[in-house]
């Protein structure tokens, strides 16, 4: 695994915009950064793939464990949603996608930093943008990337189980969320599913029929929502969700996996896994660790402690939230940049990676996306 400096394509902005990546630049600096790429050997990619499958299996076991032991308070899940979580799990409501964020130096085993199980983004970048970059720059190279095809397959499986239309909902004013949702909707259309786009703020509830509605009094039978469960459960209309007829994608059981409380629980259940870092619910008395609010997003309110001294602390709105503590991961700088490997799991398949890098240890919303390829 190495970072290689390369010249960007002369018209790279136009090329990525053609693929829907309209947010390629932030504050005058490239977010999509093709002035470099990461190069992996086949053995390293196989290692990431193996870790992803192992982590996915462990996470599914964890969901059953949480349900059996009724550990919902650790995840701050409102009691009125517990029955819905169990029902969505027992009825096997579909999960389309998720992203494991890994620390990997190319030598030791990849280590789980967190699991973006409910509303992962950086999808257009990882799926189509870096694939087209590869074809433009090195037609003889390969890439760990079958994300697009796996997404279409996932929606085909969803359609085979239930062919009702699906509404795709996001906050339209958030460009990244909107584009990610529309890309996922496009893959569903390719799977021959009838789809509709819907702004989250346009969702209504009809007390007479007892169901959620789209504008025009159209019932929402199934809904993909790029809107976190931990937000949704505290909305004014949340009280209607447990009894409504709508099937949600990602499903309610993802409330468990989308919470960082899984980190210490995974470590308790699988202490010998090479892919897990030690993690705890209580602050360690010594050593190097990272404090993470269990529902923080985009690297907010992270505290990095090295040998008892605070090395880095990020701002955010989660400073009073419940937290977990994880041993400081083996993030290795490459030319002064710290990469985090986002390993995608779609319909249970490990199918590709995307890399975000930053000049500091914590990956945030401004951290750059850098493409990758495989060497011979």
Protein backbone atom coordinates (compact mmCIF):
# COMPACT_ATOMS: atom_id res chain seq x y z
CA UNK A 1 0.00 0.00 0.00
CA UNK A 2 1.53 3.27 -1.08
CA UNK A 3 0.46 6.79 -1.97
CA UNK A 4 1.55 7.90 -5.42
CA UNK A 5 1.50 11.50 -6.69
CA UNK A 6 0.08 11.80 -10.22
CA UNK A 7 -1.09 14.63 -12.49
CA UNK A 8 -4.86 15.27 -12.42
CA UNK A 9 -6.78 15.01 -15.68
CA UNK A 10 -6.85 18.47 -17.31
CA UNK A 11 -10.68 18.60 -17.28
CA UNK A 12 -11.30 16.53 -14.17
CA UNK A 13 -14.01 18.88 -12.86
CA UNK A 14 -16.16 18.40 -15.97
CA UNK A 15 -15.59 14.65 -15.96
CA UNK A 16 -16.71 14.10 -12.38
CA UNK A 17 -19.65 16.49 -12.79
CA UNK A 18 -20.88 14.33 -15.67
CA UNK A 19 -21.12 11.49 -13.15
CA UNK A 20 -23.12 13.57 -10.68
CA UNK A 21 -20.23 14.56 -8.42
CA UNK A 22 -21.13 18.23 -8.17
CA UNK A 23 -19.52 18.72 -4.74
CA UNK A 24 -15.97 18.03 -5.96
CA UNK A 25 -14.58 21.27 -4.48
CA UNK A 26 -15.05 22.74 -1.01
CA UNK A 27 -13.86 26.19 0.08
CA UNK A 28 -11.74 26.47 -3.04
CA UNK A 29 -9.91 23.19 -2.41
CA UNK A 30 -10.54 19.88 -4.15
CA UNK A 31 -12.60 17.43 -2.12
CA UNK A 32 -12.22 14.93 -4.96
CA UNK A 33 -8.41 14.82 -5.13
CA UNK A 34 -6.87 13.00 -8.08
CA UNK A 35 -3.44 14.58 -7.67
CA UNK A 36 -2.62 11.30 -5.92
CA UNK A 37 -3.85 7.74 -5.70
CA UNK A 38 -3.33 4.80 -3.39
CA UNK A 39 -1.90 1.60 -4.87
CA UNK A 40 -2.67 -1.80 -3.33
CA UNK A 41 -1.42 -5.29 -3.99
CA UNK A 42 -3.91 -8.10 -4.61
CA UNK A 43 -2.96 -9.58 -1.23
CA UNK A 44 -3.80 -6.30 0.52
CA UNK A 45 -7.18 -6.06 -1.21
CA UNK A 46 -7.92 -9.69 -0.30
CA UNK A 47 -7.07 -8.80 3.31
CA UNK A 48 -9.50 -5.87 3.32
CA UNK A 49 -12.18 -8.04 1.72
CA UNK A 50 -11.70 -10.79 4.30
CA UNK A 51 -11.90 -8.25 7.14
CA UNK A 52 -15.10 -6.78 5.72
CA UNK A 53 -16.86 -10.14 5.59
CA UNK A 54 -15.72 -10.98 9.11
CA UNK A 55 -16.93 -7.62 10.46
CA UNK A 56 -20.30 -7.95 8.72
CA UNK A 57 -20.84 -11.41 10.22
CA UNK A 58 -19.89 -10.14 13.67
CA UNK A 59 -22.28 -7.20 13.34
CA UNK A 60 -25.19 -9.48 12.45
CA UNK A 61 -24.44 -11.62 15.49
CA UNK A 62 -24.33 -8.46 17.56
CA UNK A 63 -27.83 -7.41 16.46
CA UNK A 64 -29.24 -10.73 17.65
CA UNK A 65 -27.31 -10.40 20.91
CA UNK A 66 -28.69 -6.90 21.57
CA UNK A 67 -32.24 -8.09 20.85
CA UNK A 68 -31.90 -11.19 23.02
CA UNK A 69 -30.39 -9.27 25.93
CA UNK A 70 -32.59 -6.18 25.43
CA UNK A 71 -29.58 -3.86 25.47
CA UNK A 72 -31.43 -1.00 23.75
CA UNK A 73 -30.63 1.62 26.43
CA UNK A 74 -26.93 1.40 25.52
CA UNK A 75 -27.92 2.76 22.09
CA UNK A 76 -30.29 5.46 23.40
CA UNK A 77 -33.11 3.85 21.43
CA UNK A 78 -36.55 5.08 22.57
CA UNK A 79 -38.55 2.21 24.14
CA UNK A 80 -41.43 2.64 21.71
CA UNK A 81 -39.13 1.56 18.85
CA UNK A 82 -37.92 -1.69 20.39
CA UNK A 83 -40.77 -3.80 19.02
CA UNK A 84 -40.29 -2.33 15.53
CA UNK A 85 -36.58 -3.23 15.64
CA UNK A 86 -37.42 -6.82 16.53
CA UNK A 87 -40.11 -7.04 13.85
CA UNK A 88 -37.88 -5.64 11.12
CA UNK A 89 -35.15 -8.11 12.15
CA UNK A 90 -37.42 -11.16 12.36
CA UNK A 91 -39.12 -10.31 9.07
CA UNK A 92 -35.74 -9.73 7.39
CA UNK A 93 -36.44 -6.22 6.15
CA UNK A 94 -33.79 -5.55 3.50
CA UNK A 95 -30.51 -3.81 4.19
CA UNK A 96 -28.97 -2.50 0.99
CA UNK A 97 -25.63 -1.02 1.99
CA UNK A 98 -23.16 0.09 4.65
CA UNK A 99 -19.54 1.20 4.97
CA UNK A 100 -16.90 0.02 7.41
CA UNK A 101 -14.22 2.62 8.10
CA UNK A 102 -10.89 0.88 8.62
CA UNK A 103 -7.40 1.80 9.75
CA UNK A 104 -4.97 -0.14 7.55
CA UNK A 105 -1.26 0.25 6.95
CA UNK A 106 -0.93 -2.46 4.32
CA UNK A 107 0.95 -4.76 6.71
CA UNK A 108 -1.09 -5.59 9.81
CA UNK A 109 -4.78 -6.55 9.81
CA UNK A 110 -7.32 -3.79 9.09
CA UNK A 111 -8.91 -2.42 12.25
CA UNK A 112 -12.51 -1.24 12.52
CA UNK A 113 -12.81 2.44 13.43
CA UNK A 114 -16.59 2.65 13.00
CA UNK A 115 -19.46 1.32 10.93
CA UNK A 116 -21.54 3.74 8.86
CA UNK A 117 -24.50 1.38 8.74
CA UNK A 118 -27.48 3.65 8.17
CA UNK A 119 -26.70 6.70 6.00
CA UNK A 120 -23.20 6.32 4.51
CA UNK A 121 -22.18 8.79 1.82
CA UNK A 122 -18.99 9.08 -0.31
CA UNK A 123 -20.81 6.55 -2.50
CA UNK A 124 -20.79 8.26 -5.90
CA UNK A 125 -17.07 8.87 -5.42
CA UNK A 126 -16.30 5.25 -4.52
CA UNK A 127 -18.59 3.67 -7.09
CA UNK A 128 -18.58 5.50 -10.42
CA UNK A 129 -16.22 8.47 -10.08
CA UNK A 130 -13.07 6.54 -9.22
CA UNK A 131 -13.92 3.77 -11.71
CA UNK A 132 -14.08 6.26 -14.59
CA UNK A 133 -10.91 7.92 -13.28
CA UNK A 134 -9.16 4.55 -13.51
CA UNK A 135 -10.34 3.92 -17.09
CA UNK A 136 -9.16 7.40 -18.12
CA UNK A 137 -5.74 7.16 -16.49
CA UNK A 138 -4.67 3.50 -16.54
CA UNK A 139 -6.73 1.13 -18.66
CA UNK A 140 -4.50 -1.81 -17.77
CA UNK A 141 -4.90 -1.45 -14.00
CA UNK A 142 -7.65 -2.94 -11.86
CA UNK A 143 -9.62 -1.62 -8.91
CA UNK A 144 -11.49 -3.20 -6.02
CA UNK A 145 -14.85 -1.86 -7.11
CA UNK A 146 -18.01 -3.68 -8.08
CA UNK A 147 -20.17 -1.35 -5.99
CA UNK A 148 -22.47 -0.21 -8.79
CA UNK A 149 -23.27 -3.72 -10.03
CA UNK A 150 -23.84 -4.95 -6.47
CA UNK A 151 -26.24 -2.09 -5.80
CA UNK A 152 -28.31 -3.01 -8.85
CA UNK A 153 -28.29 -6.65 -7.70
CA UNK A 154 -29.37 -5.56 -4.23
CA UNK A 155 -32.37 -3.67 -5.56
CA UNK A 156 -33.25 -6.63 -7.78
CA UNK A 157 -33.43 -8.76 -4.65
CA UNK A 158 -35.59 -6.11 -2.99
CA UNK A 159 -37.94 -6.11 -6.02
CA UNK A 160 -38.18 -9.92 -6.10
CA UNK A 161 -39.36 -9.92 -2.49
CA UNK A 162 -41.76 -6.98 -2.91
CA UNK A 163 -42.47 -5.11 -6.14
CA UNK A 164 -44.21 -2.07 -4.63
CA UNK A 165 -42.82 1.39 -5.51
CA UNK A 166 -40.10 2.94 -3.36
CA UNK A 167 -39.86 6.59 -2.37
CA UNK A 168 -36.31 7.91 -2.01
CA UNK A 169 -36.11 10.67 0.58
CA UNK A 170 -33.35 13.09 1.55
CA UNK A 171 -32.85 16.69 2.61
CA UNK A 172 -32.76 18.29 -0.83
CA UNK A 173 -30.87 21.35 0.37
CA UNK A 174 -27.94 19.10 1.31
CA UNK A 175 -26.26 18.63 -2.08
CA UNK A 176 -24.25 15.55 -1.10
CA UNK A 177 -27.22 13.78 0.44
CA UNK A 178 -29.46 14.66 -2.51
CA UNK A 179 -26.96 13.40 -5.10
CA UNK A 180 -26.25 10.24 -3.12
CA UNK A 181 -29.97 9.51 -2.86
CA UNK A 182 -30.57 10.16 -6.54
CA UNK A 183 -27.66 7.88 -7.43
CA UNK A 184 -29.13 5.09 -5.30
CA UNK A 185 -32.49 5.75 -6.88
CA UNK A 186 -30.91 5.38 -10.31
CA UNK A 187 -29.50 1.97 -9.39
CA UNK A 188 -32.99 0.97 -8.22
CA UNK A 189 -34.46 2.13 -11.53
CA UNK A 190 -31.90 -0.06 -13.30
CA UNK A 191 -33.34 -2.93 -11.26
CA UNK A 192 -36.78 -2.11 -12.73
CA UNK A 193 -38.24 -0.69 -9.53
CA UNK A 194 -40.82 2.08 -9.75
CA UNK A 195 -39.33 4.99 -7.79
CA UNK A 196 -40.17 8.52 -6.68
CA UNK A 197 -37.93 11.20 -5.19
CA UNK A 198 -39.21 12.92 -2.08
CA UNK A 199 -37.83 15.68 0.10
CA UNK A 200 -37.87 14.59 3.75
CA UNK A 201 -39.66 17.78 4.70
CA UNK A 202 -42.49 16.97 2.27
CA UNK A 203 -43.45 13.73 4.03
CA UNK A 204 -46.88 13.95 5.63
CA UNK A 205 -49.02 11.71 7.80
CA UNK A 206 -52.70 10.94 7.29
CA UNK A 207 -54.35 10.20 10.62
CA UNK A 208 -57.43 8.73 8.88
CA UNK A 209 -55.56 6.06 6.95
CA UNK A 210 -52.78 5.75 9.51
CA UNK A 211 -50.00 6.07 6.97
CA UNK A 212 -47.25 8.36 5.74
CA UNK A 213 -48.01 10.22 2.54
CA UNK A 214 -46.15 11.90 -0.29
CA UNK A 215 -47.50 15.07 -1.93
CA UNK A 216 -50.63 14.33 -3.94
CA UNK A 217 -51.92 11.98 -1.23
CA UNK A 218 -49.74 9.12 -2.48
CA UNK A 219 -49.18 6.49 0.22
CA UNK A 220 -45.54 5.76 1.06
CA UNK A 221 -45.44 1.97 1.19
CA UNK A 222 -41.66 1.66 1.13
CA UNK A 223 -39.13 4.41 1.75
CA UNK A 224 -35.38 4.66 1.42
CA UNK A 225 -34.34 7.54 3.67
CA UNK A 226 -30.94 9.17 3.75
CA UNK A 227 -31.87 10.54 7.14
CA UNK A 228 -30.41 9.06 10.34
CA UNK A 229 -32.59 6.92 12.55
CA UNK A 230 -31.34 8.76 15.64
CA UNK A 231 -32.81 11.95 14.16
CA UNK A 232 -35.96 10.32 12.81
CA UNK A 233 -36.95 8.82 16.15
CA UNK A 234 -37.05 12.28 17.71
CA UNK A 235 -39.12 14.02 15.04
CA UNK A 236 -42.60 15.26 15.84
CA UNK A 237 -44.20 12.48 13.75
CA UNK A 238 -41.94 9.73 15.15
CA UNK A 239 -44.75 8.41 17.34
CA UNK A 240 -46.49 7.15 14.20
CA UNK A 241 -43.53 5.17 12.85
CA UNK A 242 -43.81 2.02 15.01
CA UNK A 243 -47.39 1.32 13.89
CA UNK A 244 -47.37 2.64 10.31
CA UNK A 245 -47.42 0.37 7.24
CA UNK A 246 -44.27 1.85 5.70
CA UNK A 247 -41.26 -0.41 5.26
CA UNK A 248 -38.04 1.54 5.78
CA UNK A 249 -34.69 1.12 4.04
CA UNK A 250 -32.28 1.04 5.81
CA UNK A 251 -34.38 -0.99 8.27
CA UNK A 252 -35.05 -0.12 11.93
CA UNK A 253 -32.62 -2.80 13.15
CA UNK A 254 -29.86 -0.61 11.71
CA UNK A 255 -30.49 1.70 14.71
CA UNK A 256 -28.23 -0.73 16.53
CA UNK A 257 -25.40 -0.96 14.03
CA UNK A 258 -25.35 2.75 13.21
CA UNK A 259 -24.45 3.60 16.81
CA UNK A 260 -20.85 3.60 18.05
CA UNK A 261 -22.00 1.69 21.12
CA UNK A 262 -21.36 -1.38 18.97
CA UNK A 263 -17.58 -0.84 19.34
CA UNK A 264 -17.20 -1.96 22.98
CA UNK A 265 -19.90 -4.61 22.55
CA UNK A 266 -18.14 -6.12 19.53
CA UNK A 267 -14.93 -6.19 21.52
CA UNK A 268 -16.69 -7.92 24.42
CA UNK A 269 -18.19 -10.54 22.11
CA UNK A 270 -15.15 -11.08 19.89
CA UNK A 271 -12.07 -10.11 21.93
CA UNK A 272 -9.75 -12.25 19.80
CA UNK A 273 -10.75 -10.80 16.43
CA UNK A 274 -7.74 -9.35 14.61
CA UNK A 275 -10.02 -6.73 13.05
CA UNK A 276 -11.23 -5.08 16.26
CA UNK A 277 -9.57 -2.51 18.48
CA UNK A 278 -10.12 -2.71 22.24
CA UNK A 279 -13.04 -0.45 23.16
CA UNK A 280 -14.86 0.42 26.36
CA UNK A 281 -17.87 2.26 27.74
CA UNK A 282 -15.73 3.81 30.47
CA UNK A 283 -12.73 6.09 29.95
CA UNK A 284 -9.43 4.17 30.31
CA UNK A 285 -7.24 5.23 33.18
CA UNK A 286 -4.12 5.30 31.01
CA UNK A 287 -2.81 4.64 27.51
CA UNK A 288 -3.73 6.06 24.10
CA UNK A 289 -7.35 6.12 23.04
CA UNK A 290 -10.06 8.05 21.18
CA UNK A 291 -13.27 9.30 22.76
CA UNK A 292 -16.23 9.08 20.35
CA UNK A 293 -19.79 10.30 21.01
CA UNK A 294 -22.01 7.37 20.11
CA UNK A 295 -24.09 9.35 17.59
CA UNK A 296 -21.57 11.92 16.38
CA UNK A 297 -21.15 12.41 12.65
CA UNK A 298 -18.39 13.65 10.32
CA UNK A 299 -15.65 13.45 12.97
CA UNK A 300 -17.37 15.89 15.34
CA UNK A 301 -16.41 16.09 19.04
CA UNK A 302 -13.65 13.48 18.76
CA UNK A 303 -10.93 13.56 21.39
CA UNK A 304 -7.59 11.87 20.70
CA UNK A 305 -5.56 11.06 23.83
CA UNK A 306 -2.01 9.79 23.52
CA UNK A 307 -0.29 8.48 26.63
CA UNK A 308 -2.67 10.41 28.86
CA UNK A 309 -2.32 13.74 27.02
CA UNK A 310 -4.98 15.24 24.76
CA UNK A 311 -3.38 15.45 21.32
CA UNK A 312 -6.38 16.54 19.25
CA UNK A 313 -9.97 17.58 19.85
CA UNK A 314 -12.56 18.48 17.23
CA UNK A 315 -15.54 20.82 17.55
CA UNK A 316 -19.18 19.92 17.05
CA UNK A 317 -22.63 19.69 18.53
CA UNK A 318 -22.22 16.37 20.33
CA UNK A 319 -19.98 17.48 23.21
CA UNK A 320 -22.53 16.48 25.87
CA UNK A 321 -23.51 13.17 24.26
CA UNK A 322 -22.85 9.68 25.62
CA UNK A 323 -19.47 8.43 24.44
CA UNK A 324 -17.41 5.29 23.98
CA UNK A 325 -13.64 4.91 24.10
CA UNK A 326 -11.54 3.05 21.56
CA UNK A 327 -7.85 2.28 21.55
CA UNK A 328 -5.99 4.63 19.22
CA UNK A 329 -5.89 2.92 15.85
CA UNK A 330 -2.74 2.26 13.80
CA UNK A 331 -3.21 5.08 11.31
CA UNK A 332 0.01 5.41 9.33
CA UNK A 333 0.75 8.72 7.56
CA UNK A 334 1.54 8.59 3.85
CA UNK A 335 3.43 11.71 2.79
CA UNK A 336 1.89 13.47 5.78
CA UNK A 337 -1.67 12.29 5.01
CA UNK A 338 -3.72 9.87 7.11
CA UNK A 339 -5.94 7.58 4.99
CA UNK A 340 -9.06 5.83 6.23
CA UNK A 341 -10.30 2.93 4.13
CA UNK A 342 -14.06 2.93 3.60
CA UNK A 343 -14.96 -0.68 2.78
CA UNK A 344 -18.42 -1.09 1.29
CA UNK A 345 -20.76 -3.97 1.97
CA UNK A 346 -23.78 -4.17 -0.34
CA UNK A 347 -26.42 -6.85 0.12
CA UNK A 348 -23.87 -8.78 2.20
CA UNK A 349 -21.11 -8.52 -0.40
CA UNK A 350 -17.76 -6.85 0.23
CA UNK A 351 -17.50 -5.02 -3.06
CA UNK A 352 -15.15 -2.04 -3.04
CA UNK A 353 -13.32 0.66 -1.15
CA UNK A 354 -13.10 4.43 -1.07
CA UNK A 355 -10.34 6.34 0.67
CA UNK A 356 -10.69 9.56 2.65
CA UNK A 357 -7.52 11.25 3.84
CA UNK A 358 -6.71 14.18 6.08
CA UNK A 359 -3.62 15.97 7.35
CA UNK A 360 -4.66 15.06 10.91
CA UNK A 361 -5.78 11.86 12.63
CA UNK A 362 -9.52 12.59 12.54
CA UNK A 363 -11.45 12.25 9.28
CA UNK A 364 -14.04 15.06 8.93
CA UNK A 365 -16.49 16.28 6.31
CA UNK A 366 -13.75 18.29 4.56
CA UNK A 367 -11.36 15.32 4.31
CA UNK A 368 -10.36 14.56 0.74
CA UNK A 369 -11.45 11.57 -1.32
CA UNK A 370 -8.48 9.97 -3.13
CA UNK A 371 -8.97 7.19 -5.74
CA UNK A 372 -7.15 3.87 -5.71
CA UNK A 373 -5.97 1.10 -7.99
CA UNK A 374 -4.39 -2.32 -7.74
CA UNK A 375 -0.88 -3.22 -8.81
CA UNK A 376 0.08 -6.49 -10.49
